[in-house]
PDB file of N, CA and C in Angstrom:
ATOM      1  N   MET A   1      12.162  25.948  -0.634  1.00  0.00           N
ATOM      2  CA  MET A   1      13.151  24.878   0.078  1.00  0.00           C
ATOM      3  C   MET A   1      12.985  23.430  -0.949  1.00  0.00           C
ATOM      4  N   LYS A   2      13.974  22.898  -0.822  1.00  0.00           N
ATOM      5  CA  LYS A   2      14.021  21.483  -1.352  1.00  0.00           C
ATOM      6  C   LYS A   2      14.460  20.229  -0.690  1.00  0.00           C
ATOM      7  N   VAL A   3      14.362  19.106  -0.896  1.00  0.00           N
ATOM      8  CA  VAL A   3      14.940  18.095  -0.212  1.00  0.00           C
ATOM      9  C   VAL A   3      15.671  17.259  -0.886  1.00  0.00           C
ATOM     10  N   ARG A   4      16.979  16.813  -0.182  1.00  0.00           N
ATOM     11  CA  ARG A   4      17.750  15.757  -0.818  1.00  0.00           C
ATOM     12  C   ARG A   4      17.974  14.697   0.323  1.00  0.00           C
ATOM     13  N   PHE A   5      18.563  13.578  -0.040  1.00  0.00           N
ATOM     14  CA  PHE A   5      18.828  12.537   0.703  1.00  0.00           C
ATOM     15  C   PHE A   5      20.067  11.917   1.004  1.00  0.00           C
ATOM     16  N   ALA A   6      20.599  11.966   1.915  1.00  0.00           N
ATOM     17  CA  ALA A   6      21.903  11.242   2.392  1.00  0.00           C
ATOM     18  C   ALA A   6      21.889   9.737   1.512  1.00  0.00           C
ATOM     19  N   GLU A   7      23.090   9.139   1.110  1.00  0.00           N
ATOM     20  CA  GLU A   7      23.334   7.946   0.624  1.00  0.00           C
ATOM     21  C   GLU A   7      22.705   6.817   1.624  1.00  0.00           C
ATOM     22  N   PRO A   8      23.309   6.661   2.673  1.00  0.00           N
ATOM     23  CA  PRO A   8      22.762   5.716   3.683  1.00  0.00           C
ATOM     24  C   PRO A   8      21.216   5.676   3.835  1.00  0.00           C
ATOM     25  N   PHE A   9      20.619   6.989   3.897  1.00  0.00           N
ATOM     26  CA  PHE A   9      19.187   7.009   3.783  1.00  0.00           C
ATOM     27  C   PHE A   9      18.213   6.351   2.817  1.00  0.00           C
ATOM     28  N   GLN A  10      19.142   6.719   1.732  1.00  0.00           N
ATOM     29  CA  GLN A  10      18.349   5.694   0.469  1.00  0.00           C
ATOM     30  C   GLN A  10      18.270   4.199   0.751  1.00  0.00           C
ATOM     31  N   ASP A  11      19.308   3.774   0.948  1.00  0.00           N
ATOM     32  CA  ASP A  11      19.388   2.289   1.108  1.00  0.00           C
ATOM     33  C   ASP A  11      18.384   1.886   2.107  1.00  0.00           C
ATOM     34  N   TYR A  12      18.254   2.605   3.336  1.00  0.00           N
ATOM     35  CA  TYR A  12      17.470   2.338   4.190  1.00  0.00           C
ATOM     36  C   TYR A  12      15.824   2.496   3.955  1.00  0.00           C
ATOM     37  N   TYR A  13      15.471   3.624   3.105  1.00  0.00           N
ATOM     38  CA  TYR A  13      14.334   3.655   2.858  1.00  0.00           C
ATOM     39  C   TYR A  13      13.734   2.512   1.776  1.00  0.00           C
ATOM     40  N   LYS A  14      14.597   1.971   0.867  1.00  0.00           N
ATOM     41  CA  LYS A  14      14.140   0.843   0.027  1.00  0.00           C
ATOM     42  C   LYS A  14      13.663  -0.159   0.835  1.00  0.00           C
ATOM     43  N   LYS A  15      14.069  -0.360   2.164  1.00  0.00           N
ATOM     44  CA  LYS A  15      13.648  -1.657   2.912  1.00  0.00           C
ATOM     45  C   LYS A  15      12.464  -1.339   3.825  1.00  0.00           C
ATOM     46  N   LEU A  16      12.054   0.027   3.864  1.00  0.00           N
ATOM     47  CA  LEU A  16      10.807   0.242   4.873  1.00  0.00           C
ATOM     48  C   LEU A  16       9.512  -0.263   4.317  1.00  0.00           C
ATOM     49  N   PRO A  17       8.578  -0.510   5.061  1.00  0.00           N
ATOM     50  CA  PRO A  17       7.163  -0.903   4.640  1.00  0.00           C
ATOM     51  C   PRO A  17       6.540   0.052   3.926  1.00  0.00           C
ATOM     52  N   GLN A  18       5.807  -0.186   3.057  1.00  0.00           N
ATOM     53  CA  GLN A  18       5.097   0.626   1.952  1.00  0.00           C
ATOM     54  C   GLN A  18       4.255   1.897   2.732  1.00  0.00           C
ATOM     55  N   GLU A  19       3.759   1.410   3.839  1.00  0.00           N
ATOM     56  CA  GLU A  19       2.922   2.372   4.809  1.00  0.00           C
ATOM     57  C   GLU A  19       3.679   3.452   5.174  1.00  0.00           C
ATOM     58  N   VAL A  20       5.089   3.155   5.735  1.00  0.00           N
ATOM     59  CA  VAL A  20       6.051   4.023   6.442  1.00  0.00           C
ATOM     60  C   VAL A  20       6.527   4.898   5.261  1.00  0.00           C
ATOM     61  N   LYS A  21       6.777   4.432   3.984  1.00  0.00           N
ATOM     62  CA  LYS A  21       7.173   5.285   2.679  1.00  0.00           C
ATOM     63  C   LYS A  21       6.320   6.356   2.438  1.00  0.00           C
ATOM     64  N   ARG A  22       4.834   5.798   2.659  1.00  0.00           N
ATOM     65  CA  ARG A  22       3.819   6.643   2.233  1.00  0.00           C
ATOM     66  C   ARG A  22       3.699   7.786   3.397  1.00  0.00           C
ATOM     67  N   ARG A  23       3.596   7.670   4.391  1.00  0.00           N
ATOM     68  CA  ARG A  23       3.743   8.486   5.720  1.00  0.00           C
ATOM     69  C   ARG A  23       4.805   9.434   5.575  1.00  0.00           C
ATOM     70  N   LEU A  24       5.946   8.831   5.340  1.00  0.00           N
ATOM     71  CA  LEU A  24       7.123   9.815   5.145  1.00  0.00           C
ATOM     72  C   LEU A  24       7.051  10.785   4.191  1.00  0.00           C
ATOM     73  N   GLU A  25       6.642  10.472   2.928  1.00  0.00           N
ATOM     74  CA  GLU A  25       6.433  11.198   1.863  1.00  0.00           C
ATOM     75  C   GLU A  25       5.575  12.365   2.258  1.00  0.00           C
ATOM     76  N   LYS A  26       4.442  12.102   3.026  1.00  0.00           N
ATOM     77  CA  LYS A  26       3.471  12.969   3.430  1.00  0.00           C
ATOM     78  C   LYS A  26       4.008  14.144   4.430  1.00  0.00           C
ATOM     79  N   GLN A  27       4.723  13.454   5.275  1.00  0.00           N
ATOM     80  CA  GLN A  27       5.462  14.549   6.176  1.00  0.00           C
ATOM     81  C   GLN A  27       6.466  15.327   5.661  1.00  0.00           C
ATOM     82  N   LEU A  28       7.243  14.744   4.680  1.00  0.00           N
ATOM     83  CA  LEU A  28       8.163  15.500   3.951  1.00  0.00           C
ATOM     84  C   LEU A  28       7.392  16.853   3.085  1.00  0.00           C
ATOM     85  N   ASN A  29       6.119  16.388   2.566  1.00  0.00           N
ATOM     86  CA  ASN A  29       5.398  17.590   1.923  1.00  0.00           C
ATOM     87  C   ASN A  29       5.283  18.635   2.964  1.00  0.00           C
ATOM     88  N   PHE A  30       4.875  18.330   4.175  1.00  0.00           N
ATOM     89  CA  PHE A  30       4.544  19.129   5.164  1.00  0.00           C
ATOM     90  C   PHE A  30       5.887  20.025   5.654  1.00  0.00           C
ATOM     91  N   LEU A  31       6.844  19.284   5.531  1.00  0.00           N
ATOM     92  CA  LEU A  31       8.017  20.078   5.847  1.00  0.00           C
ATOM     93  C   LEU A  31       8.638  21.024   4.851  1.00  0.00           C
ATOM     94  N   LEU A  32       8.197  20.588   3.673  1.00  0.00           N
ATOM     95  CA  LEU A  32       8.494  21.735   2.496  1.00  0.00           C
ATOM     96  C   LEU A  32       7.678  22.989   2.659  1.00  0.00           C
ATOM     97  N   LYS A  33       6.331  22.727   3.204  1.00  0.00           N
ATOM     98  CA  LYS A  33       5.506  23.812   3.164  1.00  0.00           C
ATOM     99  C   LYS A  33       5.919  24.611   4.735  1.00  0.00           C
ATOM    100  N   ASP A  34       5.923  23.959   5.704  1.00  0.00           N
ATOM    101  CA  ASP A  34       6.051  24.707   7.018  1.00  0.00           C
ATOM    102  C   ASP A  34       6.706  23.698   8.076  1.00  0.00           C
ATOM    103  N   ILE A  35       7.927  23.983   8.609  1.00  0.00           N
ATOM    104  CA  ILE A  35       8.671  23.406   9.254  1.00  0.00           C
ATOM    105  C   ILE A  35       7.917  23.193  10.641  1.00  0.00           C
ATOM    106  N   ARG A  36       7.048  23.964  10.869  1.00  0.00           N
ATOM    107  CA  ARG A  36       6.452  24.194  12.260  1.00  0.00           C
ATOM    108  C   ARG A  36       4.846  23.400  12.027  1.00  0.00           C
ATOM    109  N   HIS A  37       4.798  22.765  11.175  1.00  0.00           N
ATOM    110  CA  HIS A  37       3.450  21.834  10.885  1.00  0.00           C
ATOM    111  C   HIS A  37       3.296  20.942  12.224  1.00  0.00           C
ATOM    112  N   PRO A  38       2.098  21.097  12.756  1.00  0.00           N
ATOM    113  CA  PRO A  38       1.991  20.320  13.910  1.00  0.00           C
ATOM    114  C   PRO A  38       2.232  18.975  14.032  1.00  0.00           C
ATOM    115  N   SER A  39       1.891  18.268  12.913  1.00  0.00           N
ATOM    116  CA  SER A  39       1.960  16.698  12.861  1.00  0.00           C
ATOM    117  C   SER A  39       3.656  16.285  12.890  1.00  0.00           C
ATOM    118  N   LEU A  40       4.618  17.243  12.445  1.00  0.00           N
ATOM    119  CA  LEU A  40       6.040  16.906  12.298  1.00  0.00           C
ATOM    120  C   LEU A  40       6.501  17.014  13.886  1.00  0.00           C
ATOM    121  N   ARG A  41       6.322  17.786  14.654  1.00  0.00           N
ATOM    122  CA  ARG A  41       6.955  17.977  15.906  1.00  0.00           C
ATOM    123  C   ARG A  41       8.278  18.224  15.611  1.00  0.00           C
ATOM    124  N   ALA A  42       8.562  18.847  14.620  1.00  0.00           N
ATOM    125  CA  ALA A  42      10.028  19.245  14.343  1.00  0.00           C
ATOM    126  C   ALA A  42      10.945  19.842  15.450  1.00  0.00           C
ATOM    127  N   LYS A  43      11.984  19.595  15.764  1.00  0.00           N
ATOM    128  CA  LYS A  43      12.755  20.049  16.916  1.00  0.00           C
ATOM    129  C   LYS A  43      14.294  19.845  16.763  1.00  0.00           C
ATOM    130  N   LYS A  44      15.092  20.725  17.305  1.00  0.00           N
ATOM    131  CA  LYS A  44      16.599  20.562  17.142  1.00  0.00           C
ATOM    132  C   LYS A  44      17.077  19.083  18.167  1.00  0.00           C
ATOM    133  N   PHE A  45      17.331  18.486  17.301  1.00  0.00           N
ATOM    134  CA  PHE A  45      17.985  17.099  17.944  1.00  0.00           C
ATOM    135  C   PHE A  45      19.399  17.129  18.383  1.00  0.00           C
ATOM    136  N   ASP A  46      20.374  17.838  17.919  1.00  0.00           N
ATOM    137  CA  ASP A  46      21.881  17.814  18.184  1.00  0.00           C
ATOM    138  C   ASP A  46      22.235  19.164  17.911  1.00  0.00           C
ATOM    139  N   GLU A  47      22.245  20.164  18.708  1.00  0.00           N
ATOM    140  CA  GLU A  47      22.680  21.553  18.539  1.00  0.00           C
ATOM    141  C   GLU A  47      24.127  21.553  17.896  1.00  0.00           C
ATOM    142  N   ALA A  48      25.015  20.653  18.380  1.00  0.00           N
ATOM    143  CA  ALA A  48      26.593  20.976  18.057  1.00  0.00           C
ATOM    144  C   ALA A  48      26.539  20.360  16.467  1.00  0.00           C
ATOM    145  N   GLN A  49      25.824  19.230  15.992  1.00  0.00           N
ATOM    146  CA  GLN A  49      26.030  19.043  14.730  1.00  0.00           C
ATOM    147  C   GLN A  49      24.831  19.487  13.777  1.00  0.00           C
ATOM    148  N   ASP A  50      23.876  20.369  14.493  1.00  0.00           N
ATOM    149  CA  ASP A  50      22.790  21.261  13.765  1.00  0.00           C
ATOM    150  C   ASP A  50      21.890  20.259  13.044  1.00  0.00           C
ATOM    151  N   VAL A  51      21.480  19.101  13.855  1.00  0.00           N
ATOM    152  CA  VAL A  51      20.525  18.019  13.357  1.00  0.00           C
ATOM    153  C   VAL A  51      19.345  18.355  13.960  1.00  0.00           C
ATOM    154  N   TRP A  52      18.204  18.237  13.177  1.00  0.00           N
ATOM    155  CA  TRP A  52      16.818  18.305  13.640  1.00  0.00           C
ATOM    156  C   TRP A  52      16.126  16.880  13.538  1.00  0.00           C
ATOM    157  N   GLN A  53      14.880  16.890  14.303  1.00  0.00           N
ATOM    158  CA  GLN A  53      14.411  15.385  14.205  1.00  0.00           C
ATOM    159  C   GLN A  53      12.994  15.973  13.832  1.00  0.00           C
ATOM    160  N   ALA A  54      12.097  14.919  13.341  1.00  0.00           N
ATOM    161  CA  ALA A  54      10.737  15.209  12.890  1.00  0.00           C
ATOM    162  C   ALA A  54       9.997  14.029  12.986  1.00  0.00           C
ATOM    163  N   ARG A  55       8.670  13.995  13.208  1.00  0.00           N
ATOM    164  CA  ARG A  55       8.156  12.851  13.229  1.00  0.00           C
ATOM    165  C   ARG A  55       7.503  12.475  11.831  1.00  0.00           C
ATOM    166  N   VAL A  56       7.475  10.855  11.575  1.00  0.00           N
ATOM    167  CA  VAL A  56       6.823  10.286  10.372  1.00  0.00           C
ATOM    168  C   VAL A  56       5.523   9.746  11.148  1.00  0.00           C
ATOM    169  N   ASN A  57       5.575   9.015  12.168  1.00  0.00           N
ATOM    170  CA  ASN A  57       4.545   8.494  12.814  1.00  0.00           C
ATOM    171  C   ASN A  57       4.841   8.103  14.311  1.00  0.00           C
ATOM    172  N   GLY A  58       4.022   7.335  14.903  1.00  0.00           N
ATOM    173  CA  GLY A  58       4.273   7.226  16.163  1.00  0.00           C
ATOM    174  C   GLY A  58       5.472   6.343  16.565  1.00  0.00           C
ATOM    175  N   HIS A  59       5.895   5.767  15.483  1.00  0.00           N
ATOM    176  CA  HIS A  59       7.140   4.904  15.538  1.00  0.00           C
ATOM    177  C   HIS A  59       8.346   5.182  14.792  1.00  0.00           C
ATOM    178  N   TYR A  60       8.399   6.000  14.117  1.00  0.00           N
ATOM    179  CA  TYR A  60       9.263   6.340  13.255  1.00  0.00           C
ATOM    180  C   TYR A  60       9.699   7.979  13.228  1.00  0.00           C
ATOM    181  N   ARG A  61      11.094   8.305  13.277  1.00  0.00           N
ATOM    182  CA  ARG A  61      11.454   9.796  13.345  1.00  0.00           C
ATOM    183  C   ARG A  61      12.345   9.836  12.300  1.00  0.00           C
ATOM    184  N   PHE A  62      12.625  10.978  11.558  1.00  0.00           N
ATOM    185  CA  PHE A  62      13.474  11.432  10.512  1.00  0.00           C
ATOM    186  C   PHE A  62      14.408  12.548  11.163  1.00  0.00           C
ATOM    187  N   TYR A  63      15.850  12.282  10.536  1.00  0.00           N
ATOM    188  CA  TYR A  63      16.746  13.204  10.923  1.00  0.00           C
ATOM    189  C   TYR A  63      17.203  14.116   9.843  1.00  0.00           C
ATOM    190  N   PHE A  64      17.300  15.415   9.953  1.00  0.00           N
ATOM    191  CA  PHE A  64      17.819  16.178   8.827  1.00  0.00           C
ATOM    192  C   PHE A  64      18.547  17.529   9.324  1.00  0.00           C
ATOM    193  N   GLN A  65      19.432  17.918   8.322  1.00  0.00           N
ATOM    194  CA  GLN A  65      19.913  19.242   8.372  1.00  0.00           C
ATOM    195  C   GLN A  65      19.459  20.217   7.479  1.00  0.00           C
ATOM    196  N   ILE A  66      19.598  21.620   7.874  1.00  0.00           N
ATOM    197  CA  ILE A  66      19.135  22.512   6.958  1.00  0.00           C
ATOM    198  C   ILE A  66      20.323  23.295   6.467  1.00  0.00           C
ATOM    199  N   ARG A  67      20.522  23.056   5.090  1.00  0.00           N
ATOM    200  CA  ARG A  67      21.593  23.470   4.305  1.00  0.00           C
ATOM    201  C   ARG A  67      21.361  24.578   3.307  1.00  0.00           C
ATOM    202  N   GLY A  68      21.442  25.950   3.624  1.00  0.00           N
ATOM    203  CA  GLY A  68      20.987  26.990   2.624  1.00  0.00           C
ATOM    204  C   GLY A  68      19.194  26.729   2.365  1.00  0.00           C
ATOM    205  N   ASP A  69      19.008  26.344   1.199  1.00  0.00           N
ATOM    206  CA  ASP A  69      17.559  26.124   0.895  1.00  0.00           C
ATOM    207  C   ASP A  69      17.253  24.858   0.714  1.00  0.00           C
ATOM    208  N   THR A  70      17.838  24.045   1.498  1.00  0.00           N
ATOM    209  CA  THR A  70      17.629  22.276   1.257  1.00  0.00           C
ATOM    210  C   THR A  70      17.620  21.886   2.572  1.00  0.00           C
ATOM    211  N   TYR A  71      16.749  20.869   2.798  1.00  0.00           N
ATOM    212  CA  TYR A  71      16.435  19.807   3.980  1.00  0.00           C
ATOM    213  C   TYR A  71      17.228  18.716   3.525  1.00  0.00           C
ATOM    214  N   PHE A  72      18.227  18.412   4.169  1.00  0.00           N
ATOM    215  CA  PHE A  72      19.067  17.319   4.091  1.00  0.00           C
ATOM    216  C   PHE A  72      18.804  15.948   4.641  1.00  0.00           C
ATOM    217  N   ILE A  73      18.038  15.243   4.237  1.00  0.00           N
ATOM    218  CA  ILE A  73      17.533  14.126   5.150  1.00  0.00           C
ATOM    219  C   ILE A  73      18.579  12.979   5.142  1.00  0.00           C
ATOM    220  N   LEU A  74      19.129  12.977   6.713  1.00  0.00           N
ATOM    221  CA  LEU A  74      20.125  11.907   7.139  1.00  0.00           C
ATOM    222  C   LEU A  74      19.925  10.599   7.373  1.00  0.00           C
ATOM    223  N   ASN A  75      18.708  10.464   8.184  1.00  0.00           N
ATOM    224  CA  ASN A  75      18.367   9.164   8.712  1.00  0.00           C
ATOM    225  C   ASN A  75      17.062   9.049   9.008  1.00  0.00           C
ATOM    226  N   LEU A  76      16.529   7.981   9.254  1.00  0.00           N
ATOM    227  CA  LEU A  76      15.184   7.591   9.695  1.00  0.00           C
ATOM    228  C   LEU A  76      15.338   6.378  10.602  1.00  0.00           C
ATOM    229  N   ARG A  77      14.880   6.567  12.050  1.00  0.00           N
ATOM    230  CA  ARG A  77      14.951   5.534  12.865  1.00  0.00           C
ATOM    231  C   ARG A  77      13.584   4.997  13.517  1.00  0.00           C
ATOM    232  N   LYS A  78      13.597   3.969  14.022  1.00  0.00           N
ATOM    233  CA  LYS A  78      12.451   3.647  15.000  1.00  0.00           C
ATOM    234  C   LYS A  78      12.494   4.462  16.231  1.00  0.00           C
ATOM    235  N   HIS A  79      11.290   5.045  16.658  1.00  0.00           N
ATOM    236  CA  HIS A  79      11.429   5.908  17.845  1.00  0.00           C
ATOM    237  C   HIS A  79      10.924   4.888  19.074  1.00  0.00           C
ATOM    238  N   ARG A  80      11.757   5.287  20.098  1.00  0.00           N
ATOM    239  CA  ARG A  80      11.519   4.503  21.113  1.00  0.00           C
ATOM    240  C   ARG A  80      10.143   4.744  21.729  1.00  0.00           C
ATOM    241  N   ASP A  81       9.384   4.068  22.356  1.00  0.00           N
ATOM    242  CA  ASP A  81       7.949   4.219  22.990  1.00  0.00           C
ATOM    243  C   ASP A  81       8.530   4.317  24.564  1.00  0.00           C
TER     244      ASP A  81
END
């Protein structure tokens, strides 16, 4: 598997705090190894659009689609507490 990023995501990523960027990169490595990694807590977010959600940390979630052999990262948002 590989990872690609949507253009809006790339713009948002540039504005993230360094700690969130570091944690996202760590979580993406887990995603590449095993979508079922416990710290990701990956789950289907929108069945109709085939969008998944996974955890970055307690405050952020990233959203992605699986397209063939690629995880296509769509967005990253603050998670409601």
